[in-house]
Amino acid sequence: MEQPNNQTSTICSPKLATICSVFVLILAAVLLAIAIVFPSFLENTLESTVISSRKLIDDSLGLQSFMGNTAPGTPKTLLNFYFWNVTNKDDFLHGEKPMLQQVLIIYIAYFGY
């Protein structure tokens, strides 16, 4: 008869487990520091590069455009939207060819520079 083995098998040694635990704690501390510092770093970088270089001065075309006021001579863009109205809905639902009426809507957009 065989004797039962009373020794427990371990996946890794206690020394390796300690090293892994320390590594995980250091990694968590570094990630936490990055999560705290990164938003303010990003905000400062954006402010110094983008926001400060695009200041809007009173009575400038950029400010007027931003506020929705268009300056005289501002170019405009026409946007055409086409819709079709089915005029014979009941016949169409019974399998006949649809009779369509075209509807055009023109949207005029003014863009200032």
N, C-alpha and C. Protein backbone atom coordinates (compact mmCIF):
# COMPACT_ATOMS: atom_id res chain seq x y z
N MET A 1 0.82 -1.18 0.00
CA MET A 1 0.00 0.00 0.00
C MET A 1 0.87 1.24 0.00
N GLU A 2 0.39 2.20 -0.75
CA GLU A 2 1.16 3.44 -0.82
C GLU A 2 0.78 4.37 0.31
N GLN A 3 1.78 5.08 0.77
CA GLN A 3 1.56 6.09 1.80
C GLN A 3 1.07 7.38 1.14
N PRO A 4 0.04 8.06 1.69
CA PRO A 4 -0.40 9.34 1.12
C PRO A 4 0.67 10.41 1.31
N ASN A 5 0.82 11.24 0.30
CA ASN A 5 1.82 12.32 0.34
C ASN A 5 1.23 13.51 1.09
N ASN A 6 1.78 13.83 2.24
CA ASN A 6 1.27 14.92 3.06
C ASN A 6 1.87 16.28 2.68
N GLN A 7 2.82 16.31 1.77
CA GLN A 7 3.41 17.57 1.38
C GLN A 7 2.48 18.29 0.42
N THR A 8 2.33 19.58 0.62
CA THR A 8 1.49 20.38 -0.29
C THR A 8 2.39 20.94 -1.38
N SER A 9 1.89 20.92 -2.59
CA SER A 9 2.68 21.47 -3.70
C SER A 9 2.33 22.94 -3.86
N THR A 10 3.38 23.73 -4.11
CA THR A 10 3.17 25.15 -4.30
C THR A 10 3.45 25.51 -5.76
N ILE A 11 2.77 26.52 -6.24
CA ILE A 11 2.95 26.96 -7.62
C ILE A 11 4.27 27.69 -7.75
N CYS A 12 4.58 28.54 -6.79
CA CYS A 12 5.85 29.27 -6.83
C CYS A 12 6.39 29.37 -5.40
N SER A 13 7.64 29.68 -5.35
CA SER A 13 8.30 29.76 -4.04
C SER A 13 7.86 31.04 -3.32
N PRO A 14 7.97 31.09 -2.01
CA PRO A 14 7.60 32.29 -1.26
C PRO A 14 8.43 33.51 -1.67
N LYS A 15 9.68 33.30 -2.03
CA LYS A 15 10.53 34.41 -2.45
C LYS A 15 9.99 35.01 -3.76
N LEU A 16 9.61 34.15 -4.71
CA LEU A 16 9.07 34.63 -5.98
C LEU A 16 7.72 35.33 -5.77
N ALA A 17 6.90 34.83 -4.87
CA ALA A 17 5.61 35.45 -4.56
C ALA A 17 5.82 36.85 -3.98
N THR A 18 6.82 36.99 -3.11
CA THR A 18 7.12 38.30 -2.52
C THR A 18 7.59 39.28 -3.59
N ILE A 19 8.45 38.82 -4.48
CA ILE A 19 8.94 39.69 -5.56
C ILE A 19 7.79 40.12 -6.46
N CYS A 20 6.92 39.20 -6.80
CA CYS A 20 5.75 39.53 -7.65
C CYS A 20 4.83 40.52 -6.94
N SER A 21 4.60 40.33 -5.66
CA SER A 21 3.73 41.24 -4.91
C SER A 21 4.31 42.65 -4.86
N VAL A 22 5.61 42.76 -4.64
CA VAL A 22 6.27 44.07 -4.61
C VAL A 22 6.17 44.72 -5.98
N PHE A 23 6.39 43.96 -7.04
CA PHE A 23 6.30 44.48 -8.39
C PHE A 23 4.90 45.02 -8.68
N VAL A 24 3.87 44.27 -8.30
CA VAL A 24 2.49 44.70 -8.52
C VAL A 24 2.18 45.97 -7.74
N LEU A 25 2.65 46.07 -6.51
CA LEU A 25 2.43 47.28 -5.71
C LEU A 25 3.12 48.49 -6.31
N ILE A 26 4.36 48.32 -6.79
CA ILE A 26 5.08 49.43 -7.43
C ILE A 26 4.36 49.84 -8.72
N LEU A 27 3.92 48.88 -9.51
CA LEU A 27 3.19 49.19 -10.74
C LEU A 27 1.89 49.93 -10.45
N ALA A 28 1.17 49.52 -9.42
CA ALA A 28 -0.08 50.20 -9.03
C ALA A 28 0.20 51.63 -8.59
N ALA A 29 1.28 51.84 -7.84
CA ALA A 29 1.63 53.20 -7.39
C ALA A 29 2.00 54.09 -8.57
N VAL A 30 2.73 53.55 -9.54
CA VAL A 30 3.11 54.33 -10.73
C VAL A 30 1.86 54.69 -11.54
N LEU A 31 0.98 53.73 -11.75
CA LEU A 31 -0.25 54.00 -12.51
C LEU A 31 -1.15 55.01 -11.80
N LEU A 32 -1.21 54.94 -10.49
CA LEU A 32 -1.99 55.92 -9.72
C LEU A 32 -1.39 57.31 -9.86
N ALA A 33 -0.07 57.42 -9.81
CA ALA A 33 0.58 58.72 -9.97
C ALA A 33 0.33 59.28 -11.37
N ILE A 34 0.39 58.43 -12.38
CA ILE A 34 0.11 58.89 -13.75
C ILE A 34 -1.34 59.35 -13.86
N ALA A 35 -2.27 58.63 -13.26
CA ALA A 35 -3.68 59.01 -13.33
C ALA A 35 -3.94 60.34 -12.64
N ILE A 36 -3.17 60.67 -11.62
CA ILE A 36 -3.36 61.95 -10.92
C ILE A 36 -2.69 63.09 -11.66
N VAL A 37 -1.50 62.85 -12.21
CA VAL A 37 -0.71 63.92 -12.84
C VAL A 37 -1.13 64.17 -14.28
N PHE A 38 -1.52 63.15 -15.03
CA PHE A 38 -1.77 63.29 -16.46
C PHE A 38 -2.85 64.30 -16.82
N PRO A 39 -4.02 64.33 -16.15
CA PRO A 39 -5.04 65.31 -16.54
C PRO A 39 -4.56 66.76 -16.45
N SER A 40 -3.84 67.11 -15.37
CA SER A 40 -3.36 68.49 -15.27
C SER A 40 -2.26 68.76 -16.29
N PHE A 41 -1.41 67.78 -16.57
CA PHE A 41 -0.39 67.93 -17.61
C PHE A 41 -1.03 68.15 -18.97
N LEU A 42 -2.06 67.37 -19.28
CA LEU A 42 -2.77 67.50 -20.56
C LEU A 42 -3.44 68.86 -20.67
N GLU A 43 -4.09 69.30 -19.60
CA GLU A 43 -4.75 70.60 -19.61
C GLU A 43 -3.75 71.73 -19.82
N ASN A 44 -2.62 71.69 -19.13
CA ASN A 44 -1.60 72.72 -19.29
C ASN A 44 -1.01 72.72 -20.69
N THR A 45 -0.79 71.54 -21.25
CA THR A 45 -0.25 71.44 -22.61
C THR A 45 -1.23 72.00 -23.62
N LEU A 46 -2.50 71.64 -23.51
CA LEU A 46 -3.51 72.15 -24.44
C LEU A 46 -3.63 73.67 -24.32
N GLU A 47 -3.64 74.15 -23.10
CA GLU A 47 -3.78 75.59 -22.91
C GLU A 47 -2.61 76.35 -23.51
N SER A 48 -1.40 75.82 -23.34
CA SER A 48 -0.23 76.55 -23.83
C SER A 48 -0.08 76.46 -25.34
N THR A 49 -0.54 75.37 -25.96
CA THR A 49 -0.32 75.22 -27.40
C THR A 49 -1.51 75.64 -28.24
N VAL A 50 -2.70 75.28 -27.85
CA VAL A 50 -3.86 75.51 -28.70
C VAL A 50 -4.63 76.76 -28.29
N ILE A 51 -5.02 76.81 -27.05
CA ILE A 51 -5.92 77.87 -26.60
C ILE A 51 -5.25 79.23 -26.66
N SER A 52 -4.01 79.32 -26.19
CA SER A 52 -3.36 80.63 -26.16
C SER A 52 -2.99 81.11 -27.56
N SER A 53 -2.81 80.21 -28.52
CA SER A 53 -2.47 80.64 -29.87
C SER A 53 -3.70 81.03 -30.68
N ARG A 54 -4.89 80.81 -30.19
CA ARG A 54 -6.13 81.12 -30.91
C ARG A 54 -7.01 82.08 -30.14
N LYS A 55 -6.43 83.14 -29.65
CA LYS A 55 -7.21 84.11 -28.88
C LYS A 55 -8.11 84.90 -29.81
N LEU A 56 -9.33 85.13 -29.39
CA LEU A 56 -10.29 85.90 -30.17
C LEU A 56 -10.29 87.34 -29.66
N ILE A 57 -10.01 88.26 -30.55
CA ILE A 57 -9.94 89.67 -30.20
C ILE A 57 -11.28 90.31 -30.53
N ASP A 58 -11.71 91.26 -29.69
CA ASP A 58 -12.98 91.94 -29.94
C ASP A 58 -13.01 92.54 -31.33
N ASP A 59 -14.16 92.47 -31.99
CA ASP A 59 -14.42 93.00 -33.33
C ASP A 59 -13.59 92.32 -34.41
N SER A 60 -13.02 91.16 -34.16
CA SER A 60 -12.31 90.44 -35.21
C SER A 60 -13.30 89.53 -35.94
N LEU A 61 -12.95 89.16 -37.18
CA LEU A 61 -13.82 88.25 -37.94
C LEU A 61 -13.95 86.90 -37.23
N GLY A 62 -12.86 86.46 -36.58
CA GLY A 62 -12.91 85.18 -35.87
C GLY A 62 -13.91 85.20 -34.74
N LEU A 63 -13.94 86.30 -33.98
CA LEU A 63 -14.90 86.41 -32.88
C LEU A 63 -16.32 86.53 -33.41
N GLN A 64 -16.51 87.33 -34.46
CA GLN A 64 -17.85 87.48 -35.04
C GLN A 64 -18.37 86.14 -35.56
N SER A 65 -17.50 85.39 -36.21
CA SER A 65 -17.90 84.08 -36.71
C SER A 65 -18.22 83.14 -35.56
N PHE A 66 -17.38 83.18 -34.51
CA PHE A 66 -17.60 82.31 -33.35
C PHE A 66 -18.91 82.65 -32.65
N MET A 67 -19.23 83.93 -32.56
CA MET A 67 -20.45 84.36 -31.89
C MET A 67 -21.68 84.24 -32.77
N GLY A 68 -21.51 83.91 -34.05
CA GLY A 68 -22.65 83.73 -34.93
C GLY A 68 -22.98 84.95 -35.75
N ASN A 69 -22.26 86.03 -35.60
CA ASN A 69 -22.49 87.22 -36.41
C ASN A 69 -21.66 87.09 -37.68
N THR A 70 -22.29 87.30 -38.82
CA THR A 70 -21.55 87.20 -40.06
C THR A 70 -21.17 88.58 -40.53
N ALA A 71 -19.95 88.72 -40.97
CA ALA A 71 -19.46 89.99 -41.48
C ALA A 71 -19.96 90.17 -42.92
N PRO A 72 -20.07 91.43 -43.38
CA PRO A 72 -20.48 91.65 -44.77
C PRO A 72 -19.49 90.99 -45.73
N GLY A 73 -20.03 90.40 -46.77
CA GLY A 73 -19.18 89.74 -47.75
C GLY A 73 -18.73 88.36 -47.35
N THR A 74 -19.29 87.83 -46.27
CA THR A 74 -18.91 86.49 -45.81
C THR A 74 -19.43 85.47 -46.81
N PRO A 75 -18.61 84.52 -47.22
CA PRO A 75 -19.08 83.53 -48.19
C PRO A 75 -20.17 82.66 -47.59
N LYS A 76 -21.08 82.22 -48.45
CA LYS A 76 -22.16 81.37 -47.98
C LYS A 76 -22.10 80.03 -48.70
N THR A 77 -22.64 79.05 -48.08
CA THR A 77 -22.69 77.70 -48.64
C THR A 77 -24.14 77.28 -48.71
N LEU A 78 -24.53 76.74 -49.85
CA LEU A 78 -25.88 76.23 -50.01
C LEU A 78 -25.86 74.71 -49.85
N LEU A 79 -26.69 74.22 -48.98
CA LEU A 79 -26.82 72.79 -48.78
C LEU A 79 -28.20 72.38 -49.27
N ASN A 80 -28.24 71.49 -50.26
CA ASN A 80 -29.51 71.05 -50.83
C ASN A 80 -29.87 69.69 -50.25
N PHE A 81 -31.08 69.57 -49.73
CA PHE A 81 -31.61 68.32 -49.21
C PHE A 81 -32.80 67.92 -50.07
N TYR A 82 -32.76 66.71 -50.61
CA TYR A 82 -33.84 66.23 -51.47
C TYR A 82 -34.63 65.17 -50.72
N PHE A 83 -35.94 65.32 -50.75
CA PHE A 83 -36.86 64.34 -50.18
C PHE A 83 -37.87 63.98 -51.24
N TRP A 84 -38.45 62.80 -51.14
CA TRP A 84 -39.48 62.39 -52.08
C TRP A 84 -40.72 61.99 -51.31
N ASN A 85 -41.85 62.48 -51.81
CA ASN A 85 -43.13 62.22 -51.20
C ASN A 85 -43.85 61.19 -52.06
N VAL A 86 -44.30 60.09 -51.46
CA VAL A 86 -45.07 59.08 -52.18
C VAL A 86 -46.51 59.55 -52.22
N THR A 87 -47.01 59.87 -53.44
CA THR A 87 -48.36 60.44 -53.56
C THR A 87 -49.45 59.37 -53.62
N ASN A 88 -49.12 58.13 -53.97
CA ASN A 88 -50.11 57.06 -54.02
C ASN A 88 -49.78 55.97 -52.99
N LYS A 89 -49.86 56.34 -51.74
CA LYS A 89 -49.45 55.45 -50.66
C LYS A 89 -50.25 54.15 -50.67
N ASP A 90 -51.56 54.23 -50.78
CA ASP A 90 -52.39 53.03 -50.72
C ASP A 90 -52.10 52.09 -51.88
N ASP A 91 -51.99 52.65 -53.10
CA ASP A 91 -51.68 51.80 -54.26
C ASP A 91 -50.29 51.19 -54.13
N PHE A 92 -49.35 51.95 -53.64
CA PHE A 92 -47.99 51.46 -53.47
C PHE A 92 -47.96 50.30 -52.46
N LEU A 93 -48.72 50.42 -51.38
CA LEU A 93 -48.76 49.35 -50.38
C LEU A 93 -49.39 48.08 -50.93
N HIS A 94 -50.16 48.21 -52.02
CA HIS A 94 -50.77 47.03 -52.64
C HIS A 94 -49.94 46.53 -53.81
N GLY A 95 -48.70 47.02 -53.95
CA GLY A 95 -47.77 46.46 -54.94
C GLY A 95 -47.62 47.26 -56.22
N GLU A 96 -48.30 48.39 -56.37
CA GLU A 96 -48.15 49.16 -57.60
C GLU A 96 -46.90 50.04 -57.53
N LYS A 97 -46.53 50.57 -58.70
CA LYS A 97 -45.35 51.43 -58.80
C LYS A 97 -45.63 52.74 -58.07
N PRO A 98 -44.68 53.23 -57.28
CA PRO A 98 -44.93 54.47 -56.53
C PRO A 98 -44.89 55.70 -57.43
N MET A 99 -45.72 56.67 -57.12
CA MET A 99 -45.71 57.97 -57.78
C MET A 99 -45.02 58.91 -56.80
N LEU A 100 -43.86 59.48 -57.21
CA LEU A 100 -43.06 60.28 -56.32
C LEU A 100 -43.11 61.75 -56.70
N GLN A 101 -43.14 62.60 -55.68
CA GLN A 101 -43.06 64.04 -55.87
C GLN A 101 -41.81 64.51 -55.14
N GLN A 102 -40.90 65.19 -55.89
CA GLN A 102 -39.63 65.64 -55.31
C GLN A 102 -39.85 66.91 -54.51
N VAL A 103 -39.25 66.94 -53.31
CA VAL A 103 -39.30 68.11 -52.44
C VAL A 103 -37.86 68.54 -52.20
N LEU A 104 -37.55 69.80 -52.46
CA LEU A 104 -36.20 70.33 -52.29
C LEU A 104 -36.21 71.33 -51.15
N ILE A 105 -35.27 71.15 -50.20
CA ILE A 105 -35.09 72.10 -49.12
C ILE A 105 -33.67 72.63 -49.24
N ILE A 106 -33.53 73.95 -49.28
CA ILE A 106 -32.22 74.58 -49.41
C ILE A 106 -31.88 75.25 -48.09
N TYR A 107 -30.72 74.89 -47.55
CA TYR A 107 -30.24 75.47 -46.30
C TYR A 107 -29.04 76.35 -46.65
N ILE A 108 -29.08 77.61 -46.24
CA ILE A 108 -27.99 78.53 -46.52
C ILE A 108 -27.18 78.69 -45.25
N ALA A 109 -25.88 78.37 -45.34
CA ALA A 109 -24.98 78.48 -44.19
C ALA A 109 -23.96 79.57 -44.50
N TYR A 110 -23.75 80.48 -43.56
CA TYR A 110 -22.75 81.53 -43.72
C TYR A 110 -21.55 81.18 -42.87
N PHE A 111 -20.38 81.23 -43.47
CA PHE A 111 -19.15 80.94 -42.77
C PHE A 111 -18.25 82.16 -42.79
N GLY A 112 -17.77 82.57 -41.64
CA GLY A 112 -16.85 83.70 -41.58
C GLY A 112 -15.44 83.23 -41.35
N TYR A 113 -14.50 83.98 -41.85
CA TYR A 113 -13.08 83.63 -41.69
C TYR A 113 -12.36 84.71 -40.96
